[in-house]
Amino acid sequence: MPQPLPILYVKPGCPWCTQALEFFASQGVQLDVRDVIADMHQMRQLVALTSQSKCPSLRYGDFIVADFSVDEFKAKARKHPQVCKELGLQV
């Protein structure tokens, strides 16, 4: 059974969120984008998952990167080659 889409938690107007969205689009990664400002349920999920409310934060199965810049995401992703392979990431 295929893995669900990676979930990217974002806030409108957040420059790091915009950069993350642009990065994933450039890599051809489809995302389930969740606006934590428009939907408090998503905010509660983010806090339960990461123990903080900062964005962008990404969840793909057990792979979680909270409050990241694109460079920070790439550094963590490099340590998880299977995730990179599944998502088609070139980092």
Foldseek 3Di string as FASTA:
>chain_A
DDFDAKEWEDEPPDPQSVQVVVQLVVQVGDYNYHYCVVDVVVQVVVCVVPVDRADGWIDGPPDIDHRDHPVRVVVSVVVPVVVCVSRNHDD
